[in-house]
Amino acid sequence: MFDYVNILYWVIAAASLIVWARFSTFVADDVHRNLVHQNEIAWNLVVVGIALVMLVVWVTMPIFWLALPVNLVIVGAFIGYYWKVRVEVLGPVEGHLLAGMMAGIKKSKAKSDMRRNATQAQLTYLRKNESQFPLPKADDPLAAGLAAGDQLMVAALTRRAELIEMAPTDAGYSCVMTTDGLVATQPAQSRQTGDAAIQFFKTLAGLSLEERRKPQLGQFKVRDADGAATTWSVRTSGSTAGERVTLLANERSQWEFRLDAIGLSTDQLAALKTVTADTKGVVVVATPKGQGRTATLYALVRAHDAFTNSIYTLESNPQAEIEGVSVVKFEPTGDTSYAKSLQSVILKDPTVVLAPDVADAASADHVVRAATEARFYLGVSAVDSFSGLERWLSMATDREAAISTVRAVVAQRLVRMLCPTCKVGYTADESTLKRLNLPIGKNIQAFKANTGPILDRKGNKITCPDCAGVGFRGRTGIFEVLVVTDDMRKALLANANVTQLKAIGRKNSMILLVEHGIRKFAAGITAINEVTRVVGEKPAAPSQRGKAPPAKK
């Protein structure tokens, strides 16, 4: 006959040792993560020693009502002391032992969930060399990173994000995604989840996992279920708070636009084609940061035949390779300056030069002297064409020579385009038409973004599949093209003010940024609030504005 009492005794003994072993792993992890100034080895030795003592008590005192109280006293004394130390280090709230244990359980569950889902990645990952990244097994430390990184990538592709930024915080990581130039805050990530995702991205990009301070740059590729691939650049940098990671989608198509595809009006396109027909003088593209300056500069360069012209670019960060164009990357080292690098390019007797980083007098003077024999495309940071023109002229030592060589200034902004699938039409009222200087009585059909659900073929409410419920999809440019005529040069030499220069431009049918935006609103391409958001001004009343060509419907 079985001795049920004896069996129950050893079942309870085994259970107590298992529970203590689990508590010991919590203590080891807690000391390592939170009690960083405590002696980690000493604490680990103590918990192991208590486990041995408990085992000895259970073996040498085979009387349940004697062994159990002894072990409870030993364990209770340790837990009481450990709780006291934890409160002293972390404070009464965060140091509460039960709160710490619950947090540990949640972390363990999250880690278990990430590993369980690791083999269920929704995307295919490729290294820089195009080799497919093998999915880690569930017990691989990288499995948690795959799960966290895959979720982030799926969210980014769903939102068509072009930029992901993860920054360390006290609690973990903040995360933001940029779509069509607009930043959206994403749910914060715990330290464990964020660390795992960063380790995964660094492994994919071929970066050092040990290096967390110095900046690193790498690349990997993601392919979705439809086979569409996106290349992502990974940039890491260290800080006192932790490691910051930026992922940038490298869409080659954004650098392959030509002049007739960037959003210019018919008149603006005709004016720029006339300007690019010449291969002498200076053309300036003026925008704030992140408003499509580089893409427009590349489009201007592409307007020249690369096989009949000698074309060079001098860039700090080249974004694209143009067939037939010689790309020179500027890397400041020792005595090398942008001005010296530009001079060496000019000595090659080029026909066209793209020099977007001219920002000092020495470089500007090289351009002014060489612009009598070659065409230069420059980029400056400015809010409109007139301030861009003045910014360029202020760089050169010889202002009069700079005036004689400048041919045109192009200012631009990028506005989000309304999603063609879900945009909502409405009839603009008379007061709105009058405020925008649009023809009254034409019954203009205006459109605005729809951020609510739409109906599918069966009448069910769904999120728009083309814009993910944002209401906008993609961006286009609104422009201000200032062609520098002889009248404009005379006015510049006479130190005319902006109002006088603008009057000359208006005389030549120049339209301003906000007016071009209004035309695109009237054409149903964008929303009026998007135009005013980007341009940063309200359209003036008709009496305050010069005559402009009528807006196209």
Protein backbone atom coordinates (compact mmCIF):
# COMPACT_ATOMS: atom_id res chain seq x y z
CA MET A 1 0.00 0.00 0.00
CA PHE A 2 1.30 3.42 -0.98
CA ASP A 3 2.32 5.87 1.75
CA TYR A 4 0.20 8.83 0.53
CA VAL A 5 1.48 11.13 3.28
CA ASN A 6 5.10 10.53 2.25
CA ILE A 7 4.28 11.11 -1.45
CA LEU A 8 2.46 14.36 -0.60
CA TYR A 9 5.47 15.46 1.47
CA TRP A 10 7.90 15.12 -1.44
CA VAL A 11 5.45 16.68 -3.91
CA ILE A 12 5.26 19.77 -1.71
CA ALA A 13 9.06 19.76 -1.29
CA ALA A 14 9.60 19.59 -5.05
CA ALA A 15 7.01 22.32 -5.66
CA SER A 16 8.65 24.65 -3.15
CA LEU A 17 12.06 24.18 -4.81
CA ILE A 18 10.58 24.83 -8.28
CA VAL A 19 8.87 28.02 -7.06
CA TRP A 20 12.14 29.16 -5.44
CA ALA A 21 14.05 28.45 -8.66
CA ARG A 22 11.60 30.63 -10.59
CA PHE A 23 11.89 33.40 -7.98
CA SER A 24 15.69 33.12 -8.18
CA THR A 25 15.63 33.85 -11.94
CA PHE A 26 13.55 36.96 -11.20
CA VAL A 27 16.07 38.11 -8.59
CA ALA A 28 19.00 37.53 -10.95
CA ASP A 29 17.33 39.48 -13.78
CA ASP A 30 16.07 42.21 -11.43
CA VAL A 31 19.50 42.80 -9.89
CA HIS A 32 21.08 42.90 -13.34
CA ARG A 33 18.57 45.40 -14.76
CA ASN A 34 17.47 47.54 -11.82
CA LEU A 35 19.84 47.14 -8.86
CA VAL A 36 22.89 47.93 -10.96
CA HIS A 37 25.03 49.08 -8.02
CA GLN A 38 24.49 45.88 -6.05
CA ASN A 39 26.91 42.96 -6.14
CA GLU A 40 25.23 40.74 -8.70
CA ILE A 41 27.41 37.70 -8.01
CA ALA A 42 26.78 37.88 -4.26
CA TRP A 43 23.00 37.94 -4.72
CA ASN A 44 23.14 34.98 -7.09
CA LEU A 45 25.25 32.99 -4.63
CA VAL A 46 22.80 33.73 -1.82
CA VAL A 47 19.72 32.53 -3.74
CA VAL A 48 21.57 29.38 -4.83
CA GLY A 49 22.66 28.80 -1.23
CA ILE A 50 19.09 29.14 0.03
CA ALA A 51 17.97 26.55 -2.52
CA LEU A 52 20.59 24.12 -1.16
CA VAL A 53 19.56 24.82 2.44
CA MET A 54 15.90 24.20 1.57
CA LEU A 55 16.83 20.88 -0.03
CA VAL A 56 18.82 19.85 3.04
CA VAL A 57 15.92 20.76 5.34
CA TRP A 58 13.45 18.73 3.30
CA VAL A 59 15.79 15.73 3.27
CA THR A 60 16.93 15.79 6.91
CA MET A 61 13.59 16.74 8.47
CA PRO A 62 11.04 14.34 6.96
CA ILE A 63 8.32 15.75 9.20
CA PHE A 64 6.06 18.08 7.20
CA TRP A 65 5.03 20.38 10.08
CA LEU A 66 8.66 20.87 11.04
CA ALA A 67 10.40 21.24 7.61
CA LEU A 68 7.82 23.61 6.13
CA PRO A 69 8.02 26.32 8.87
CA VAL A 70 11.85 26.20 8.84
CA ASN A 71 11.97 26.75 5.07
CA LEU A 72 9.30 29.47 5.25
CA VAL A 73 11.37 31.34 7.87
CA ILE A 74 14.53 31.11 5.71
CA VAL A 75 12.74 32.21 2.54
CA GLY A 76 10.72 34.89 4.32
CA ALA A 77 13.83 36.42 5.87
CA PHE A 78 15.53 36.65 2.48
CA ILE A 79 12.46 38.09 0.74
CA GLY A 80 11.98 40.67 3.51
CA TYR A 81 15.60 41.81 3.26
CA TYR A 82 15.55 41.84 -0.55
CA TRP A 83 12.34 43.89 -0.53
CA LYS A 84 13.95 46.40 1.88
CA VAL A 85 17.01 46.79 -0.40
CA ARG A 86 14.81 47.19 -3.45
CA VAL A 87 12.78 50.00 -1.83
CA GLU A 88 15.96 51.78 -0.72
CA VAL A 89 17.34 51.71 -4.26
CA LEU A 90 14.20 52.27 -6.38
CA GLY A 91 11.84 54.07 -4.01
CA PRO A 92 8.63 52.94 -2.30
CA VAL A 93 6.52 52.76 -5.49
CA GLU A 94 8.87 51.32 -8.10
CA GLY A 95 10.66 49.28 -5.44
CA HIS A 96 7.52 47.45 -4.35
CA LEU A 97 8.38 43.76 -4.76
CA LEU A 98 4.99 42.70 -6.12
CA ALA A 99 5.11 45.47 -8.76
CA GLY A 100 8.57 44.28 -9.80
CA MET A 101 7.42 40.67 -10.05
CA MET A 102 4.38 41.62 -12.14
CA ALA A 103 6.59 43.64 -14.48
CA GLY A 104 8.91 40.66 -14.78
CA ILE A 105 6.01 38.35 -15.62
CA LYS A 106 4.82 40.76 -18.33
CA LYS A 107 8.30 40.95 -19.83
CA SER A 108 8.62 37.19 -19.84
CA LYS A 109 5.24 36.85 -21.53
CA ALA A 110 6.13 39.46 -24.14
CA LYS A 111 9.44 37.74 -24.83
CA SER A 112 7.69 34.39 -25.10
CA ASP A 113 5.09 35.83 -27.49
CA MET A 114 7.78 37.40 -29.68
CA ARG A 115 9.68 34.14 -29.91
CA ARG A 116 6.53 32.16 -30.58
CA ASN A 117 5.69 34.50 -33.46
CA ALA A 118 9.24 34.64 -34.79
CA THR A 119 8.65 32.01 -37.45
CA GLN A 120 5.53 33.85 -38.64
CA ALA A 121 7.23 36.87 -40.26
CA GLN A 122 4.92 38.55 -42.77
CA LEU A 123 7.77 39.95 -44.86
CA THR A 124 10.87 38.57 -46.56
CA TYR A 125 14.16 40.14 -45.53
CA LEU A 126 17.23 40.41 -47.73
CA ARG A 127 20.73 41.43 -46.75
CA LYS A 128 22.65 44.10 -48.65
CA ASN A 129 24.14 41.40 -50.88
CA GLU A 130 20.58 40.30 -51.86
CA SER A 131 20.86 37.00 -49.92
CA GLN A 132 17.71 36.06 -48.02
CA PHE A 133 17.90 36.39 -44.26
CA PRO A 134 17.12 32.99 -42.68
CA LEU A 135 14.42 33.01 -40.02
CA PRO A 136 15.91 32.30 -36.58
CA LYS A 137 14.63 29.39 -34.52
CA ALA A 138 12.46 30.01 -31.50
CA ASP A 139 15.36 29.53 -29.06
CA ASP A 140 17.63 31.94 -31.00
CA PRO A 141 18.06 35.30 -29.16
CA LEU A 142 17.41 37.04 -32.51
CA ALA A 143 13.92 35.51 -32.70
CA ALA A 144 12.46 38.20 -30.46
CA GLY A 145 14.07 40.85 -32.65
CA LEU A 146 12.56 39.38 -35.80
CA ALA A 147 9.08 39.48 -34.29
CA ALA A 148 9.45 43.09 -33.09
CA GLY A 149 11.15 44.29 -36.28
CA ASP A 150 8.63 42.56 -38.54
CA GLN A 151 5.72 44.25 -36.79
CA LEU A 152 7.40 47.64 -37.19
CA MET A 153 8.15 47.05 -40.88
CA VAL A 154 4.60 45.89 -41.62
CA ALA A 155 3.22 49.03 -39.97
CA ALA A 156 5.66 51.21 -41.96
CA LEU A 157 4.76 49.64 -45.30
CA THR A 158 1.04 49.84 -44.51
CA ARG A 159 1.41 53.56 -43.81
CA ARG A 160 3.79 54.03 -46.80
CA ALA A 161 6.29 55.56 -44.38
CA GLU A 162 9.52 56.90 -45.83
CA LEU A 163 11.22 57.41 -42.47
CA ILE A 164 11.22 55.54 -39.12
CA GLU A 165 12.95 56.96 -36.06
CA MET A 166 13.46 55.12 -32.76
CA ALA A 167 14.85 57.18 -29.88
CA PRO A 168 15.64 56.00 -26.33
CA THR A 169 13.56 57.28 -23.41
CA ASP A 170 13.55 56.55 -19.68
CA ALA A 171 10.86 53.89 -20.15
CA GLY A 172 11.98 52.39 -23.46
CA TYR A 173 11.85 53.81 -26.99
CA SER A 174 9.73 56.43 -28.69
CA CYS A 175 8.88 55.75 -32.32
CA VAL A 176 7.74 58.10 -35.09
CA MET A 177 7.03 57.46 -38.77
CA THR A 178 7.04 60.05 -41.54
CA THR A 179 4.63 59.58 -44.45
CA ASP A 180 4.44 62.11 -47.28
CA GLY A 181 6.45 64.53 -45.16
CA LEU A 182 4.09 64.39 -42.17
CA VAL A 183 5.32 62.95 -38.87
CA ALA A 184 3.05 60.58 -36.92
CA THR A 185 3.82 59.33 -33.41
CA GLN A 186 3.59 55.57 -33.00
CA PRO A 187 2.99 53.58 -29.77
CA ALA A 188 6.03 53.63 -27.49
CA GLN A 189 8.03 50.42 -27.18
CA SER A 190 9.42 48.83 -24.06
CA ARG A 191 13.16 48.70 -23.59
CA GLN A 192 13.18 44.96 -24.23
CA THR A 193 11.11 45.14 -27.43
CA GLY A 194 13.03 48.16 -28.76
CA ASP A 195 16.42 46.59 -28.04
CA ALA A 196 15.35 43.40 -29.80
CA ALA A 197 14.16 45.29 -32.90
CA ILE A 198 17.37 47.33 -33.07
CA GLN A 199 19.51 44.20 -32.80
CA PHE A 200 17.53 42.68 -35.66
CA PHE A 201 17.87 45.73 -37.93
CA LYS A 202 21.60 46.01 -37.20
CA THR A 203 22.11 42.33 -38.00
CA LEU A 204 20.23 42.72 -41.28
CA ALA A 205 22.26 45.80 -42.22
CA GLY A 206 25.58 44.13 -41.38
CA LEU A 207 26.39 46.51 -38.50
CA SER A 208 28.35 45.73 -35.36
CA LEU A 209 26.09 44.71 -32.48
CA GLU A 210 28.74 45.60 -29.90
CA GLU A 211 29.24 49.18 -31.16
CA ARG A 212 26.56 51.40 -29.62
CA ARG A 213 28.29 54.77 -29.48
CA LYS A 214 29.87 55.56 -32.85
CA PRO A 215 27.58 56.19 -35.84
CA GLN A 216 27.07 53.26 -38.21
CA LEU A 217 25.40 53.09 -41.62
CA GLY A 218 24.09 50.00 -43.39
CA GLN A 219 21.36 48.73 -45.68
CA PHE A 220 18.85 45.91 -46.10
CA LYS A 221 15.86 45.14 -48.29
CA VAL A 222 12.28 44.12 -47.49
CA ARG A 223 9.95 42.27 -49.89
CA ASP A 224 6.21 42.08 -49.25
CA ALA A 225 3.78 39.29 -50.20
CA ASP A 226 3.21 40.85 -53.64
CA GLY A 227 6.95 40.82 -54.38
CA ALA A 228 7.42 44.59 -54.12
CA ALA A 229 10.84 45.37 -52.63
CA THR A 230 11.93 48.41 -50.61
CA THR A 231 15.52 49.18 -49.69
CA TRP A 232 16.04 50.69 -46.24
CA SER A 233 19.12 52.56 -45.02
CA VAL A 234 19.87 52.02 -41.33
CA ARG A 235 21.72 54.72 -39.41
CA THR A 236 22.60 54.27 -35.74
CA SER A 237 24.12 56.71 -33.29
CA GLY A 238 24.82 56.64 -29.58
CA SER A 239 23.78 59.02 -26.83
CA THR A 240 23.88 59.12 -23.05
CA ALA A 241 20.30 57.78 -23.02
CA GLY A 242 20.99 54.89 -25.37
CA GLU A 243 21.12 54.01 -29.05
CA ARG A 244 19.11 55.97 -31.63
CA VAL A 245 18.15 54.31 -34.92
CA THR A 246 16.86 55.89 -38.13
CA LEU A 247 15.54 53.86 -41.07
CA LEU A 248 15.11 55.65 -44.40
CA ALA A 249 13.29 54.13 -47.38
CA ASN A 250 15.41 54.57 -50.50
CA GLU A 251 12.83 54.90 -53.26
CA ARG A 252 14.87 55.34 -56.44
CA SER A 253 11.80 56.56 -58.32
CA GLN A 254 11.74 59.83 -56.35
CA TRP A 255 15.06 60.83 -57.96
CA GLU A 256 14.07 59.83 -61.49
CA PHE A 257 11.51 62.57 -62.18
CA ARG A 258 11.83 64.79 -65.21
CA LEU A 259 10.68 68.39 -65.43
CA ASP A 260 7.30 67.50 -66.92
CA ALA A 261 6.51 65.13 -64.02
CA ILE A 262 7.25 67.18 -60.90
CA GLY A 263 4.05 69.27 -60.90
CA LEU A 264 4.94 72.44 -62.83
CA SER A 265 2.14 74.36 -64.55
CA THR A 266 2.19 74.57 -68.35
CA ASP A 267 3.55 78.14 -68.27
CA GLN A 268 6.19 77.29 -65.65
CA LEU A 269 7.33 74.23 -67.59
CA ALA A 270 7.63 76.27 -70.80
CA ALA A 271 9.67 78.93 -68.98
CA LEU A 272 12.06 76.36 -67.51
CA LYS A 273 12.48 74.58 -70.83
CA THR A 274 13.58 77.88 -72.31
CA VAL A 275 16.03 78.34 -69.43
CA THR A 276 17.48 74.82 -69.76
CA ALA A 277 17.93 75.23 -73.50
CA ASP A 278 20.97 77.36 -72.63
CA THR A 279 24.16 75.98 -71.04
CA LYS A 280 25.41 79.17 -69.40
CA GLY A 281 24.50 81.02 -66.23
CA VAL A 282 23.16 80.08 -62.82
CA VAL A 283 19.80 78.54 -61.88
CA VAL A 284 18.94 78.40 -58.17
CA VAL A 285 16.43 76.06 -56.52
CA ALA A 286 15.20 77.55 -53.23
CA THR A 287 13.25 75.54 -50.67
CA PRO A 288 13.14 74.88 -46.95
CA LYS A 289 14.64 71.56 -45.87
CA GLY A 290 12.72 68.46 -46.95
CA GLN A 291 10.68 70.14 -49.69
CA GLY A 292 11.98 68.32 -52.76
CA ARG A 293 14.99 70.47 -53.62
CA THR A 294 17.26 67.58 -54.63
CA ALA A 295 14.62 65.93 -56.83
CA THR A 296 14.03 69.18 -58.72
CA LEU A 297 17.77 69.76 -59.17
CA TYR A 298 18.10 66.26 -60.64
CA ALA A 299 15.14 66.95 -62.94
CA LEU A 300 16.84 70.13 -64.19
CA VAL A 301 20.07 68.22 -64.86
CA ARG A 302 18.12 65.54 -66.75
CA ALA A 303 16.80 68.27 -69.06
CA HIS A 304 20.29 68.32 -70.65
CA ASP A 305 21.46 65.58 -72.99
CA ALA A 306 24.15 63.74 -71.04
CA PHE A 307 25.72 62.38 -74.25
CA THR A 308 26.26 65.73 -75.95
CA ASN A 309 27.16 67.65 -72.77
CA SER A 310 29.84 67.18 -70.14
CA ILE A 311 27.80 67.03 -66.91
CA TYR A 312 29.20 66.82 -63.38
CA THR A 313 27.66 66.77 -59.91
CA LEU A 314 29.52 67.70 -56.71
CA GLU A 315 27.48 66.47 -53.74
CA SER A 316 28.14 65.62 -50.13
CA ASN A 317 25.48 62.93 -50.24
CA PRO A 318 24.66 61.78 -53.80
CA GLN A 319 21.15 60.37 -53.99
CA ALA A 320 21.12 58.89 -57.47
CA GLU A 321 23.23 57.89 -60.43
CA ILE A 322 22.20 59.57 -63.68
CA GLU A 323 23.29 57.85 -66.86
CA GLY A 324 26.10 59.76 -68.55
CA VAL A 325 26.64 62.10 -65.58
CA SER A 326 29.93 62.12 -63.64
CA VAL A 327 29.20 62.07 -59.90
CA VAL A 328 31.86 63.54 -57.61
CA LYS A 329 31.30 62.94 -53.90
CA PHE A 330 32.59 65.71 -51.67
CA GLU A 331 34.30 64.45 -48.53
CA PRO A 332 35.94 67.17 -46.42
CA THR A 333 39.39 65.97 -45.33
CA GLY A 334 42.33 68.08 -44.19
CA ASP A 335 42.85 70.99 -46.58
CA THR A 336 40.02 69.91 -48.90
CA SER A 337 37.12 72.37 -48.94
CA TYR A 338 34.00 72.50 -51.07
CA ALA A 339 35.45 75.50 -52.91
CA LYS A 340 38.64 73.58 -53.83
CA SER A 341 36.65 70.53 -54.95
CA LEU A 342 34.41 72.76 -57.04
CA GLN A 343 37.42 74.42 -58.63
CA SER A 344 38.83 71.02 -59.61
CA VAL A 345 35.50 70.15 -61.25
CA ILE A 346 35.48 73.46 -63.15
CA LEU A 347 38.98 72.74 -64.46
CA LYS A 348 37.52 69.69 -66.25
CA ASP A 349 35.73 72.15 -68.58
CA PRO A 350 32.15 70.96 -67.85
CA THR A 351 29.04 72.05 -69.73
CA VAL A 352 26.65 71.58 -66.79
CA VAL A 353 27.45 71.39 -63.07
CA LEU A 354 25.12 70.45 -60.22
CA ALA A 355 26.53 71.97 -57.03
CA PRO A 356 23.78 71.90 -54.38
CA ASP A 357 26.07 72.54 -51.41
CA VAL A 358 27.52 75.96 -52.38
CA ALA A 359 27.31 77.97 -49.16
CA ASP A 360 30.43 80.17 -48.92
CA ALA A 361 31.91 83.14 -50.77
CA ALA A 362 34.85 81.19 -52.20
CA SER A 363 32.57 78.61 -53.82
CA ALA A 364 30.13 81.28 -55.01
CA ASP A 365 32.95 83.27 -56.63
CA HIS A 366 34.12 80.16 -58.53
CA VAL A 367 30.57 79.72 -59.83
CA VAL A 368 30.19 83.36 -60.88
CA ARG A 369 33.44 83.30 -62.84
CA ALA A 370 32.72 79.97 -64.55
CA ALA A 371 29.02 80.65 -65.24
CA THR A 372 29.90 82.68 -68.34
CA GLU A 373 30.93 79.39 -69.98
CA ALA A 374 28.90 76.73 -68.17
CA ARG A 375 25.49 76.14 -66.57
CA PHE A 376 25.36 75.76 -62.78
CA TYR A 377 22.41 74.40 -60.79
CA LEU A 378 22.57 75.42 -57.13
CA GLY A 379 20.44 74.78 -54.06
CA VAL A 380 19.75 77.24 -51.25
CA SER A 381 17.50 77.23 -48.20
CA ALA A 382 14.84 79.92 -48.63
CA VAL A 383 11.08 80.39 -48.33
CA ASP A 384 10.40 81.76 -51.82
CA SER A 385 12.11 82.69 -55.08
CA PHE A 386 12.85 86.29 -54.09
CA SER A 387 14.53 85.38 -50.81
CA GLY A 388 16.34 82.57 -52.66
CA LEU A 389 17.64 85.08 -55.21
CA GLU A 390 18.87 87.39 -52.47
CA ARG A 391 20.43 84.47 -50.60
CA TRP A 392 22.48 83.54 -53.68
CA LEU A 393 23.52 87.13 -54.49
CA SER A 394 24.62 87.71 -50.89
CA MET A 395 27.11 84.82 -51.14
CA ALA A 396 29.13 86.24 -54.02
CA THR A 397 31.82 88.85 -53.45
CA ASP A 398 31.01 90.56 -56.76
CA ARG A 399 27.26 91.17 -56.57
CA GLU A 400 27.11 92.83 -59.99
CA ALA A 401 28.74 89.81 -61.66
CA ALA A 402 26.40 87.48 -59.81
CA ILE A 403 23.38 89.44 -61.06
CA SER A 404 24.62 89.22 -64.64
CA THR A 405 24.96 85.42 -64.53
CA VAL A 406 21.77 84.37 -62.69
CA ARG A 407 19.08 83.09 -65.10
CA ALA A 408 16.25 81.87 -62.91
CA VAL A 409 15.20 80.95 -59.39
CA VAL A 410 12.78 78.10 -58.71
CA ALA A 411 11.01 77.97 -55.34
CA GLN A 412 8.83 75.06 -54.33
CA ARG A 413 6.90 73.19 -51.65
CA LEU A 414 5.54 69.67 -51.54
CA VAL A 415 1.81 69.26 -50.89
CA ARG A 416 0.06 65.98 -50.22
CA MET A 417 -2.29 64.81 -52.95
CA LEU A 418 -5.82 63.78 -52.09
CA CYS A 419 -6.39 60.05 -52.27
CA PRO A 420 -8.24 59.46 -55.58
CA THR A 421 -10.11 56.50 -54.07
CA CYS A 422 -11.73 58.18 -51.07
CA LYS A 423 -11.55 61.97 -51.52
CA VAL A 424 -14.82 63.75 -50.81
CA GLY A 425 -16.28 66.30 -53.21
CA TYR A 426 -18.12 69.44 -52.17
CA THR A 427 -19.20 72.70 -53.79
CA ALA A 428 -17.16 75.66 -52.60
CA ASP A 429 -19.29 78.56 -51.40
CA GLU A 430 -19.06 82.06 -52.86
CA SER A 431 -17.12 83.52 -49.92
CA THR A 432 -14.47 80.81 -50.25
CA LEU A 433 -14.15 81.42 -54.00
CA LYS A 434 -13.81 85.14 -53.43
CA ARG A 435 -11.18 84.63 -50.72
CA LEU A 436 -9.16 82.39 -53.05
CA ASN A 437 -9.58 84.74 -56.02
CA LEU A 438 -11.33 81.99 -58.01
CA PRO A 439 -14.05 82.69 -60.60
CA ILE A 440 -17.48 83.06 -59.02
CA GLY A 441 -20.45 81.44 -60.71
CA LYS A 442 -18.38 78.60 -62.19
CA ASN A 443 -19.68 76.04 -59.65
CA ILE A 444 -16.17 74.75 -58.96
CA GLN A 445 -16.16 71.18 -57.62
CA ALA A 446 -13.72 71.17 -54.69
CA PHE A 447 -12.42 68.15 -52.81
CA LYS A 448 -11.24 67.41 -49.30
CA ALA A 449 -9.67 64.47 -47.49
CA ASN A 450 -11.81 61.67 -46.11
CA THR A 451 -10.36 60.20 -42.93
CA GLY A 452 -13.39 58.08 -42.10
CA PRO A 453 -14.38 54.60 -43.34
CA ILE A 454 -15.54 53.97 -46.89
CA LEU A 455 -17.90 51.34 -48.23
CA ASP A 456 -16.79 48.31 -50.19
CA ARG A 457 -18.84 46.68 -52.97
CA LYS A 458 -20.99 44.88 -50.44
CA GLY A 459 -21.71 48.04 -48.47
CA ASN A 460 -19.42 47.16 -45.56
CA LYS A 461 -17.41 49.91 -43.88
CA ILE A 462 -13.66 49.52 -44.48
CA THR A 463 -10.51 51.61 -44.22
CA CYS A 464 -9.41 52.96 -47.59
CA PRO A 465 -6.90 50.42 -48.96
CA ASP A 466 -5.01 53.06 -50.97
CA CYS A 467 -4.24 55.60 -48.23
CA ALA A 468 -4.83 53.55 -45.04
CA GLY A 469 -7.45 56.07 -43.91
CA VAL A 470 -5.14 59.10 -44.02
CA GLY A 471 -7.03 60.78 -46.87
CA PHE A 472 -3.87 61.63 -48.83
CA ARG A 473 -1.56 59.57 -51.00
CA GLY A 474 1.73 60.83 -52.41
CA ARG A 475 2.99 64.39 -52.89
CA THR A 476 3.38 66.83 -55.74
CA GLY A 477 5.16 70.15 -56.06
CA ILE A 478 3.78 73.67 -56.13
CA PHE A 479 6.20 76.10 -57.69
CA GLU A 480 7.25 79.69 -58.12
CA VAL A 481 9.45 80.23 -61.19
CA LEU A 482 11.26 83.58 -61.27
CA VAL A 483 12.93 84.16 -64.64
CA VAL A 484 15.55 86.91 -64.30
CA THR A 485 14.91 89.23 -67.25
CA ASP A 486 16.85 92.35 -68.26
CA ASP A 487 14.30 94.49 -66.41
CA MET A 488 14.82 92.38 -63.30
CA ARG A 489 18.61 92.78 -63.55
CA LYS A 490 18.31 96.56 -63.84
CA ALA A 491 16.09 96.59 -60.77
CA LEU A 492 18.55 94.39 -58.83
CA LEU A 493 21.45 96.67 -59.77
CA ALA A 494 19.39 99.60 -58.53
CA ASN A 495 18.79 97.78 -55.20
CA ALA A 496 15.04 97.47 -55.78
CA ASN A 497 13.00 96.04 -52.90
CA VAL A 498 11.00 92.82 -52.96
CA THR A 499 7.74 94.59 -53.80
CA GLN A 500 9.31 96.17 -56.89
CA LEU A 501 10.88 92.86 -57.95
CA LYS A 502 7.59 91.07 -57.46
CA ALA A 503 5.82 93.62 -59.64
CA ILE A 504 8.29 92.94 -62.46
CA GLY A 505 7.75 89.20 -62.05
CA ARG A 506 3.95 89.64 -62.14
CA LYS A 507 4.32 91.67 -65.31
CA ASN A 508 5.87 88.55 -66.87
CA SER A 509 2.92 86.35 -65.74
CA MET A 510 4.75 84.86 -62.78
CA ILE A 511 2.51 83.03 -60.31
CA LEU A 512 3.35 82.75 -56.61
CA LEU A 513 3.58 79.57 -54.57
CA VAL A 514 0.22 80.01 -52.88
CA GLU A 515 -1.45 80.75 -56.22
CA HIS A 516 -0.08 77.59 -57.78
CA GLY A 517 -1.37 75.69 -54.76
CA ILE A 518 -4.83 77.21 -55.24
CA ARG A 519 -4.80 76.07 -58.86
CA LYS A 520 -4.12 72.52 -57.72
CA PHE A 521 -6.92 72.80 -55.18
CA ALA A 522 -9.29 73.98 -57.91
CA ALA A 523 -8.20 71.03 -60.05
CA GLY A 524 -9.06 68.57 -57.25
CA ILE A 525 -5.43 67.50 -56.75
CA THR A 526 -5.02 68.72 -53.17
CA ALA A 527 -7.02 70.32 -50.36
CA ILE A 528 -6.95 74.02 -49.58
CA ASN A 529 -5.96 73.44 -45.94
CA GLU A 530 -2.99 71.42 -47.22
CA VAL A 531 -1.86 74.35 -49.36
CA THR A 532 -2.07 76.84 -46.49
CA ARG A 533 -0.33 74.37 -44.15
CA VAL A 534 2.66 74.01 -46.45
CA VAL A 535 2.95 77.56 -47.75
CA GLY A 536 2.32 79.05 -44.34
CA GLU A 537 0.11 81.92 -45.46
CA LYS A 538 -3.50 82.62 -46.28
CA PRO A 539 -4.38 83.60 -49.84
CA ALA A 540 -4.72 87.35 -50.18
CA ALA A 541 -7.95 89.01 -51.30
CA PRO A 542 -8.21 89.89 -55.01
CA SER A 543 -7.64 93.58 -54.39
CA GLN A 544 -4.27 92.82 -52.76
CA ARG A 545 -2.97 90.62 -55.51
CA GLY A 546 -1.59 91.30 -58.94
CA LYS A 547 -3.32 89.90 -61.98
CA ALA A 548 -2.64 86.26 -62.65
CA PRO A 549 -3.83 83.87 -65.34
CA PRO A 550 -7.26 82.43 -64.49
CA ALA A 551 -7.15 79.19 -62.54
CA LYS A 552 -7.87 76.10 -64.54
CA LYS A 553 -10.81 74.03 -63.47
